[in-house]
N, C-alpha and C. Protein backbone atom coordinates (compact mmCIF):
# COMPACT_ATOMS: atom_id res chain seq x y z
N THR A 1 -18.58 31.25 -15.41
CA THR A 1 -17.74 30.29 -16.13
C THR A 1 -17.97 28.88 -15.58
N ASN A 2 -17.79 27.93 -16.44
CA ASN A 2 -17.93 26.53 -16.05
C ASN A 2 -16.58 26.05 -15.52
N LEU A 3 -16.53 25.73 -14.23
CA LEU A 3 -15.27 25.33 -13.59
C LEU A 3 -14.69 24.06 -14.17
N ALA A 4 -15.56 23.22 -14.73
CA ALA A 4 -15.08 21.95 -15.28
C ALA A 4 -14.16 22.17 -16.48
N ASN A 5 -14.29 23.33 -17.14
CA ASN A 5 -13.48 23.60 -18.33
C ASN A 5 -12.16 24.29 -18.03
N ILE A 6 -11.95 24.67 -16.76
CA ILE A 6 -10.70 25.35 -16.41
C ILE A 6 -9.60 24.30 -16.28
N LYS A 7 -8.57 24.49 -17.07
CA LYS A 7 -7.44 23.55 -17.03
C LYS A 7 -6.36 24.16 -16.14
N PRO A 8 -5.63 23.33 -15.38
CA PRO A 8 -4.54 23.89 -14.59
C PRO A 8 -3.49 24.51 -15.51
N THR A 9 -2.98 25.67 -15.14
CA THR A 9 -1.95 26.32 -15.94
C THR A 9 -0.61 25.73 -15.55
N PRO A 10 0.43 25.94 -16.37
CA PRO A 10 1.75 25.39 -16.00
C PRO A 10 2.24 25.90 -14.64
N GLU A 11 1.81 27.09 -14.23
CA GLU A 11 2.26 27.61 -12.94
C GLU A 11 1.62 26.88 -11.78
N MET A 12 0.43 26.30 -12.00
CA MET A 12 -0.23 25.61 -10.88
C MET A 12 -0.50 24.14 -11.23
N PRO A 13 0.57 23.34 -11.21
CA PRO A 13 0.35 21.93 -11.54
C PRO A 13 -0.55 21.28 -10.50
N LYS A 14 -1.40 20.39 -10.97
CA LYS A 14 -2.33 19.70 -10.07
C LYS A 14 -1.55 18.57 -9.42
N VAL A 15 -1.50 18.59 -8.10
CA VAL A 15 -0.85 17.50 -7.37
C VAL A 15 -1.95 16.53 -6.95
N LEU A 16 -1.86 15.32 -7.48
CA LEU A 16 -2.89 14.32 -7.19
C LEU A 16 -2.62 13.66 -5.84
N THR A 17 -3.68 13.40 -5.12
CA THR A 17 -3.54 12.68 -3.85
C THR A 17 -3.32 11.20 -4.17
N PRO A 18 -2.81 10.42 -3.21
CA PRO A 18 -2.69 8.98 -3.46
C PRO A 18 -4.03 8.35 -3.88
N ALA A 19 -5.13 8.83 -3.31
CA ALA A 19 -6.45 8.28 -3.68
C ALA A 19 -6.77 8.56 -5.15
N GLU A 20 -6.43 9.77 -5.62
CA GLU A 20 -6.67 10.12 -7.03
C GLU A 20 -5.75 9.33 -7.95
N LEU A 21 -4.49 9.16 -7.52
CA LEU A 21 -3.53 8.39 -8.32
C LEU A 21 -3.98 6.93 -8.42
N ARG A 22 -4.51 6.39 -7.30
CA ARG A 22 -5.01 5.02 -7.29
C ARG A 22 -6.17 4.89 -8.27
N ALA A 23 -7.11 5.85 -8.23
CA ALA A 23 -8.27 5.82 -9.13
C ALA A 23 -7.81 5.87 -10.59
N GLU A 24 -6.80 6.70 -10.87
CA GLU A 24 -6.25 6.81 -12.22
C GLU A 24 -5.68 5.47 -12.66
N MET A 25 -4.94 4.81 -11.75
CA MET A 25 -4.34 3.52 -12.07
C MET A 25 -5.43 2.47 -12.31
N MET A 26 -6.49 2.50 -11.48
CA MET A 26 -7.57 1.53 -11.63
C MET A 26 -8.27 1.70 -12.98
N ASN A 27 -8.30 2.92 -13.49
CA ASN A 27 -8.96 3.19 -14.78
C ASN A 27 -8.03 3.00 -15.96
N SER A 28 -6.74 2.76 -15.70
CA SER A 28 -5.79 2.62 -16.79
C SER A 28 -5.85 1.19 -17.34
N THR A 29 -5.12 0.96 -18.40
CA THR A 29 -5.10 -0.37 -19.00
C THR A 29 -3.93 -1.20 -18.49
N ALA A 30 -3.18 -0.64 -17.55
CA ALA A 30 -2.01 -1.36 -17.02
C ALA A 30 -2.45 -2.68 -16.40
N GLU A 31 -1.63 -3.71 -16.62
CA GLU A 31 -1.90 -4.99 -15.96
C GLU A 31 -1.58 -4.82 -14.49
N MET A 32 -2.45 -5.34 -13.64
CA MET A 32 -2.17 -5.19 -12.21
C MET A 32 -2.74 -6.36 -11.43
N VAL A 33 -2.21 -6.52 -10.22
CA VAL A 33 -2.76 -7.49 -9.30
C VAL A 33 -3.53 -6.71 -8.25
N LYS A 34 -4.57 -7.34 -7.72
CA LYS A 34 -5.36 -6.71 -6.67
C LYS A 34 -5.62 -7.76 -5.61
N ALA A 35 -5.52 -7.35 -4.35
CA ALA A 35 -5.78 -8.27 -3.25
C ALA A 35 -6.51 -7.53 -2.15
N ASN A 36 -7.37 -8.24 -1.45
CA ASN A 36 -8.14 -7.64 -0.36
C ASN A 36 -7.45 -7.89 0.97
N TRP A 37 -7.45 -6.86 1.82
CA TRP A 37 -6.83 -6.99 3.14
C TRP A 37 -7.70 -7.81 4.07
N THR A 38 -7.06 -8.63 4.87
CA THR A 38 -7.71 -9.32 5.97
C THR A 38 -6.86 -9.04 7.20
N SER A 39 -7.41 -9.26 8.36
CA SER A 39 -6.66 -8.99 9.59
C SER A 39 -5.51 -9.97 9.72
N GLY A 40 -4.44 -9.50 10.36
CA GLY A 40 -3.27 -10.35 10.61
C GLY A 40 -3.38 -11.00 11.97
N ASN A 41 -2.28 -11.00 12.72
CA ASN A 41 -2.28 -11.68 14.02
C ASN A 41 -2.51 -10.72 15.19
N VAL A 42 -2.79 -9.45 14.92
CA VAL A 42 -3.13 -8.51 15.99
C VAL A 42 -4.65 -8.52 16.11
N LYS A 43 -5.13 -9.30 17.09
CA LYS A 43 -6.56 -9.64 17.17
C LYS A 43 -7.51 -8.44 17.19
N GLU A 44 -7.10 -7.35 17.87
CA GLU A 44 -8.04 -6.23 18.01
C GLU A 44 -8.19 -5.40 16.73
N MET A 45 -7.38 -5.68 15.72
CA MET A 45 -7.48 -4.91 14.48
C MET A 45 -8.38 -5.60 13.48
N LYS A 46 -9.35 -4.84 12.99
CA LYS A 46 -10.25 -5.35 11.93
C LYS A 46 -10.00 -4.48 10.70
N ILE A 47 -9.19 -4.98 9.80
CA ILE A 47 -8.75 -4.19 8.65
C ILE A 47 -9.58 -4.53 7.42
N GLU A 48 -9.94 -3.52 6.66
CA GLU A 48 -10.62 -3.71 5.38
C GLU A 48 -9.89 -2.89 4.33
N GLY A 49 -10.20 -3.19 3.07
CA GLY A 49 -9.61 -2.44 1.97
C GLY A 49 -8.92 -3.36 1.00
N ASP A 50 -8.05 -2.78 0.18
CA ASP A 50 -7.38 -3.59 -0.84
C ASP A 50 -6.03 -2.97 -1.17
N VAL A 51 -5.29 -3.73 -1.96
CA VAL A 51 -4.00 -3.27 -2.45
C VAL A 51 -3.97 -3.58 -3.94
N VAL A 52 -3.47 -2.64 -4.73
CA VAL A 52 -3.31 -2.85 -6.16
C VAL A 52 -1.85 -2.59 -6.52
N TRP A 53 -1.32 -3.38 -7.43
CA TRP A 53 0.08 -3.27 -7.82
C TRP A 53 0.23 -3.53 -9.31
N SER A 54 1.06 -2.73 -9.97
CA SER A 54 1.39 -2.93 -11.38
C SER A 54 2.87 -3.25 -11.51
N ASP A 55 3.18 -4.48 -11.97
CA ASP A 55 4.59 -4.86 -12.23
C ASP A 55 5.18 -3.94 -13.29
N GLU A 56 4.38 -3.69 -14.33
CA GLU A 56 4.81 -2.90 -15.48
C GLU A 56 5.25 -1.50 -15.03
N LYS A 57 4.44 -0.86 -14.20
CA LYS A 57 4.74 0.51 -13.75
C LYS A 57 5.54 0.55 -12.46
N GLN A 58 5.63 -0.60 -11.75
CA GLN A 58 6.30 -0.67 -10.44
C GLN A 58 5.69 0.36 -9.48
N ILE A 59 4.37 0.44 -9.52
CA ILE A 59 3.62 1.36 -8.66
C ILE A 59 2.46 0.59 -8.08
N GLY A 60 2.09 0.96 -6.86
CA GLY A 60 0.92 0.35 -6.26
C GLY A 60 0.38 1.24 -5.15
N TYR A 61 -0.84 0.90 -4.73
CA TYR A 61 -1.51 1.68 -3.69
C TYR A 61 -2.24 0.75 -2.73
N MET A 62 -2.23 1.15 -1.46
CA MET A 62 -2.98 0.42 -0.44
C MET A 62 -4.15 1.30 -0.03
N ARG A 63 -5.33 0.71 0.01
CA ARG A 63 -6.50 1.40 0.53
C ARG A 63 -6.89 0.66 1.80
N LEU A 64 -6.92 1.38 2.92
CA LEU A 64 -7.10 0.73 4.21
C LEU A 64 -8.15 1.43 5.05
N ARG A 65 -8.99 0.63 5.69
CA ARG A 65 -9.92 1.13 6.70
C ARG A 65 -9.72 0.30 7.95
N GLY A 66 -9.71 0.96 9.11
CA GLY A 66 -9.59 0.21 10.36
C GLY A 66 -8.18 0.12 10.90
N LEU A 67 -7.21 0.69 10.18
CA LEU A 67 -5.84 0.68 10.68
C LEU A 67 -5.73 1.85 11.66
N PRO A 68 -5.49 1.58 12.95
CA PRO A 68 -5.48 2.67 13.94
C PRO A 68 -4.33 3.65 13.70
N MET A 69 -4.55 4.90 14.14
CA MET A 69 -3.47 5.89 14.07
C MET A 69 -2.34 5.39 14.96
N ASN A 70 -1.12 5.61 14.51
CA ASN A 70 0.04 5.16 15.28
C ASN A 70 0.77 6.36 15.89
N ASP A 71 1.46 6.11 17.00
CA ASP A 71 2.31 7.13 17.62
C ASP A 71 3.66 7.04 16.92
N LYS A 72 3.92 7.97 15.98
CA LYS A 72 5.11 7.82 15.14
C LYS A 72 6.42 7.99 15.90
N THR A 73 6.38 8.44 17.14
CA THR A 73 7.62 8.49 17.93
C THR A 73 7.98 7.09 18.43
N LYS A 74 6.98 6.19 18.46
CA LYS A 74 7.22 4.85 18.99
C LYS A 74 7.20 3.76 17.93
N GLU A 75 6.28 3.90 16.96
CA GLU A 75 6.15 2.81 15.98
C GLU A 75 5.68 3.33 14.64
N THR A 76 5.85 2.48 13.65
CA THR A 76 5.41 2.79 12.29
C THR A 76 4.81 1.52 11.70
N TYR A 77 4.05 1.70 10.64
CA TYR A 77 3.57 0.55 9.87
C TYR A 77 4.56 0.34 8.74
N GLN A 78 4.73 -0.91 8.34
CA GLN A 78 5.63 -1.20 7.23
C GLN A 78 5.00 -2.26 6.34
N LEU A 79 5.09 -2.03 5.03
CA LEU A 79 4.53 -2.96 4.05
C LEU A 79 5.62 -3.90 3.56
N TRP A 80 5.24 -5.16 3.39
CA TRP A 80 6.15 -6.18 2.84
C TRP A 80 5.47 -6.80 1.63
N ILE A 81 6.25 -6.99 0.56
CA ILE A 81 5.73 -7.58 -0.67
C ILE A 81 6.41 -8.94 -0.85
N PHE A 82 5.58 -9.98 -0.86
CA PHE A 82 6.09 -11.34 -1.09
C PHE A 82 5.86 -11.64 -2.57
N ASP A 83 6.94 -11.80 -3.32
CA ASP A 83 6.75 -12.07 -4.75
C ASP A 83 7.51 -13.32 -5.17
N LYS A 84 7.33 -13.69 -6.43
CA LYS A 84 7.88 -14.94 -6.95
C LYS A 84 9.41 -14.95 -6.93
N THR A 85 10.04 -13.77 -7.02
CA THR A 85 11.49 -13.74 -7.16
C THR A 85 12.23 -13.67 -5.82
N GLN A 86 11.51 -13.41 -4.73
CA GLN A 86 12.16 -13.24 -3.43
C GLN A 86 11.93 -14.45 -2.52
N ASP A 87 12.90 -14.74 -1.70
CA ASP A 87 12.74 -15.75 -0.67
C ASP A 87 11.69 -15.24 0.32
N ALA A 88 10.80 -16.12 0.77
CA ALA A 88 9.73 -15.73 1.70
C ALA A 88 10.28 -15.17 3.01
N LYS A 89 11.53 -15.55 3.36
CA LYS A 89 12.13 -15.04 4.59
C LYS A 89 12.53 -13.57 4.46
N THR A 90 12.74 -13.11 3.22
CA THR A 90 13.17 -11.73 2.99
C THR A 90 12.28 -11.06 1.95
N PRO A 91 11.04 -10.77 2.31
CA PRO A 91 10.16 -10.10 1.35
C PRO A 91 10.66 -8.69 1.05
N ILE A 92 10.15 -8.12 -0.02
CA ILE A 92 10.55 -6.77 -0.44
C ILE A 92 9.93 -5.74 0.50
N ASP A 93 10.76 -4.81 0.95
CA ASP A 93 10.30 -3.70 1.78
C ASP A 93 9.46 -2.76 0.90
N GLY A 94 8.21 -2.60 1.25
CA GLY A 94 7.31 -1.73 0.48
C GLY A 94 7.20 -0.34 1.09
N GLY A 95 8.05 -0.05 2.06
CA GLY A 95 8.05 1.27 2.67
C GLY A 95 7.33 1.30 4.00
N SER A 96 7.75 2.24 4.86
CA SER A 96 7.05 2.40 6.13
C SER A 96 6.15 3.62 6.01
N PHE A 97 5.10 3.65 6.81
CA PHE A 97 4.13 4.74 6.72
C PHE A 97 3.43 4.92 8.05
N ASP A 98 2.84 6.09 8.22
CA ASP A 98 2.09 6.39 9.43
C ASP A 98 0.63 6.62 9.06
N VAL A 99 -0.25 6.35 9.99
CA VAL A 99 -1.67 6.64 9.81
C VAL A 99 -2.00 7.80 10.74
N ASN A 100 -2.37 8.94 10.14
CA ASN A 100 -2.61 10.16 10.90
C ASN A 100 -4.07 10.53 11.01
N SER A 101 -4.96 9.72 10.43
CA SER A 101 -6.38 10.08 10.48
C SER A 101 -7.24 8.83 10.60
N GLU A 102 -8.41 9.01 11.16
CA GLU A 102 -9.38 7.92 11.26
C GLU A 102 -9.98 7.69 9.88
N GLY A 103 -10.60 6.54 9.70
CA GLY A 103 -11.31 6.29 8.45
C GLY A 103 -10.40 5.71 7.39
N GLU A 104 -10.78 5.93 6.13
CA GLU A 104 -10.04 5.32 5.02
C GLU A 104 -8.79 6.12 4.67
N VAL A 105 -7.70 5.41 4.48
CA VAL A 105 -6.46 6.05 4.03
C VAL A 105 -5.99 5.32 2.77
N VAL A 106 -5.37 6.08 1.86
CA VAL A 106 -4.76 5.50 0.67
C VAL A 106 -3.29 5.87 0.71
N ILE A 107 -2.44 4.86 0.60
CA ILE A 107 -1.00 5.06 0.72
C ILE A 107 -0.30 4.50 -0.50
N GLN A 108 0.61 5.29 -1.06
CA GLN A 108 1.38 4.81 -2.21
C GLN A 108 2.46 3.87 -1.72
N ILE A 109 2.66 2.77 -2.44
CA ILE A 109 3.69 1.79 -2.10
C ILE A 109 5.04 2.30 -2.58
N ASN A 110 6.04 2.16 -1.72
CA ASN A 110 7.38 2.63 -2.03
C ASN A 110 8.32 1.42 -2.00
N ALA A 111 8.24 0.57 -3.02
CA ALA A 111 9.02 -0.68 -3.04
C ALA A 111 10.50 -0.37 -3.19
N LYS A 112 11.32 -1.01 -2.34
CA LYS A 112 12.77 -0.78 -2.35
C LYS A 112 13.46 -1.60 -3.44
N LEU A 113 12.81 -2.65 -3.89
CA LEU A 113 13.34 -3.48 -4.98
C LEU A 113 12.23 -3.67 -6.00
N LYS A 114 12.60 -4.12 -7.18
CA LYS A 114 11.61 -4.39 -8.22
C LYS A 114 10.77 -5.60 -7.81
N ALA A 115 9.45 -5.43 -7.81
CA ALA A 115 8.57 -6.54 -7.45
C ALA A 115 8.00 -7.14 -8.73
N LYS A 116 8.10 -8.46 -8.83
CA LYS A 116 7.59 -9.18 -10.00
C LYS A 116 6.56 -10.21 -9.55
N GLY A 117 5.32 -10.02 -9.94
CA GLY A 117 4.30 -11.00 -9.60
C GLY A 117 4.08 -11.19 -8.12
N PRO A 118 3.74 -10.11 -7.40
CA PRO A 118 3.48 -10.27 -5.96
C PRO A 118 2.40 -11.31 -5.70
N GLU A 119 2.61 -12.12 -4.66
CA GLU A 119 1.64 -13.16 -4.30
C GLU A 119 0.94 -12.82 -2.99
N MET A 120 1.61 -11.99 -2.16
CA MET A 120 1.00 -11.60 -0.90
C MET A 120 1.63 -10.29 -0.43
N PHE A 121 0.82 -9.51 0.29
CA PHE A 121 1.29 -8.27 0.90
C PHE A 121 1.01 -8.39 2.39
N ALA A 122 1.88 -7.83 3.22
CA ALA A 122 1.67 -7.85 4.66
C ALA A 122 2.03 -6.48 5.23
N ILE A 123 1.26 -6.04 6.21
CA ILE A 123 1.59 -4.81 6.93
C ILE A 123 1.94 -5.21 8.36
N THR A 124 3.15 -4.84 8.77
CA THR A 124 3.57 -5.13 10.13
C THR A 124 3.69 -3.82 10.91
N MET A 125 3.69 -3.94 12.23
CA MET A 125 3.93 -2.79 13.09
C MET A 125 5.37 -2.92 13.57
N GLU A 126 6.17 -1.88 13.32
CA GLU A 126 7.60 -1.92 13.63
C GLU A 126 7.99 -0.70 14.45
N LYS A 127 9.23 -0.73 14.93
CA LYS A 127 9.71 0.42 15.69
C LYS A 127 9.80 1.64 14.75
N ALA A 128 9.77 2.83 15.32
CA ALA A 128 9.84 4.06 14.53
C ALA A 128 11.02 3.98 13.55
N GLY A 129 10.78 4.36 12.30
CA GLY A 129 11.83 4.30 11.29
C GLY A 129 11.81 3.03 10.46
N GLY A 130 11.09 2.01 10.92
CA GLY A 130 11.01 0.76 10.16
C GLY A 130 12.21 -0.14 10.42
N VAL A 131 12.18 -1.31 9.81
CA VAL A 131 13.24 -2.31 9.99
C VAL A 131 13.65 -2.89 8.65
N VAL A 132 14.80 -3.55 8.62
CA VAL A 132 15.28 -4.19 7.40
C VAL A 132 14.62 -5.55 7.22
N VAL A 133 14.49 -6.28 8.33
CA VAL A 133 13.82 -7.59 8.31
C VAL A 133 12.84 -7.60 9.48
N SER A 134 11.60 -7.94 9.21
CA SER A 134 10.59 -7.96 10.26
C SER A 134 10.58 -9.28 11.00
N ASP A 135 10.37 -9.23 12.32
CA ASP A 135 10.20 -10.48 13.07
C ASP A 135 8.75 -10.98 12.93
N ARG A 136 7.90 -10.15 12.33
CA ARG A 136 6.49 -10.48 12.04
C ARG A 136 5.70 -10.84 13.29
N LYS A 137 6.09 -10.28 14.43
CA LYS A 137 5.34 -10.54 15.67
C LYS A 137 4.00 -9.82 15.62
N LYS A 138 3.98 -8.64 15.00
CA LYS A 138 2.74 -7.86 14.94
C LYS A 138 2.36 -7.62 13.48
N ILE A 139 1.54 -8.51 12.93
CA ILE A 139 1.07 -8.35 11.55
C ILE A 139 -0.32 -7.72 11.63
N ALA A 140 -0.41 -6.47 11.17
CA ALA A 140 -1.67 -5.74 11.23
C ALA A 140 -2.65 -6.23 10.17
N ALA A 141 -2.13 -6.55 8.98
CA ALA A 141 -3.01 -6.96 7.88
C ALA A 141 -2.25 -7.79 6.87
N LEU A 142 -3.00 -8.67 6.19
CA LEU A 142 -2.46 -9.52 5.12
C LEU A 142 -3.38 -9.44 3.92
N ALA A 143 -2.78 -9.50 2.73
CA ALA A 143 -3.58 -9.54 1.51
C ALA A 143 -2.94 -10.53 0.56
N LYS A 144 -3.67 -11.61 0.27
CA LYS A 144 -3.19 -12.64 -0.66
C LYS A 144 -3.77 -12.34 -2.04
N VAL A 145 -2.92 -12.40 -3.04
CA VAL A 145 -3.38 -12.19 -4.42
C VAL A 145 -4.07 -13.46 -4.89
N GLU A 146 -5.35 -13.34 -5.22
CA GLU A 146 -6.13 -14.52 -5.63
C GLU A 146 -5.82 -14.91 -7.08
N ASN A 147 -5.87 -13.91 -7.97
CA ASN A 147 -5.55 -14.20 -9.36
C ASN A 147 -5.10 -12.92 -10.04
N GLN A 148 -4.33 -13.08 -11.09
CA GLN A 148 -3.81 -11.92 -11.82
C GLN A 148 -4.94 -11.38 -12.70
N SER A 149 -5.15 -10.07 -12.65
CA SER A 149 -6.11 -9.48 -13.59
C SER A 149 -5.33 -8.86 -14.71
N SER A 150 -5.88 -8.88 -15.92
CA SER A 150 -5.13 -8.31 -17.03
C SER A 150 -5.89 -7.16 -17.62
């Protein structure tokens, strides 16, 4: 039998990985912003990758290479979304996350508020569990949105 023709049955729904969901979003017609990661103020970190976000779907994904694994008992990574509707002092919490493997990771953004027209994304290193407001002492990566793609 040709495996490509086998469709998942209702009993075995296909659970897509964040990387597969990101690829699906990239191939969709949804309007989205995309920004490339650059290193923040933590000098020893050399971060690569990108972030994509759809205002319409309120979904986004971060693709990251070079973000070191963290000791989740001590610290976590946290995403911040700077958008047109929020004061820069209080960006939108995009969720905290851990890096458990070397190499490239894809993480789904978990925005706590509706993000409209993000202009910049930042990943900070915070205490385990994350924080409500970051002191931004340890910025692992920054991504500025250059232009809106439609």
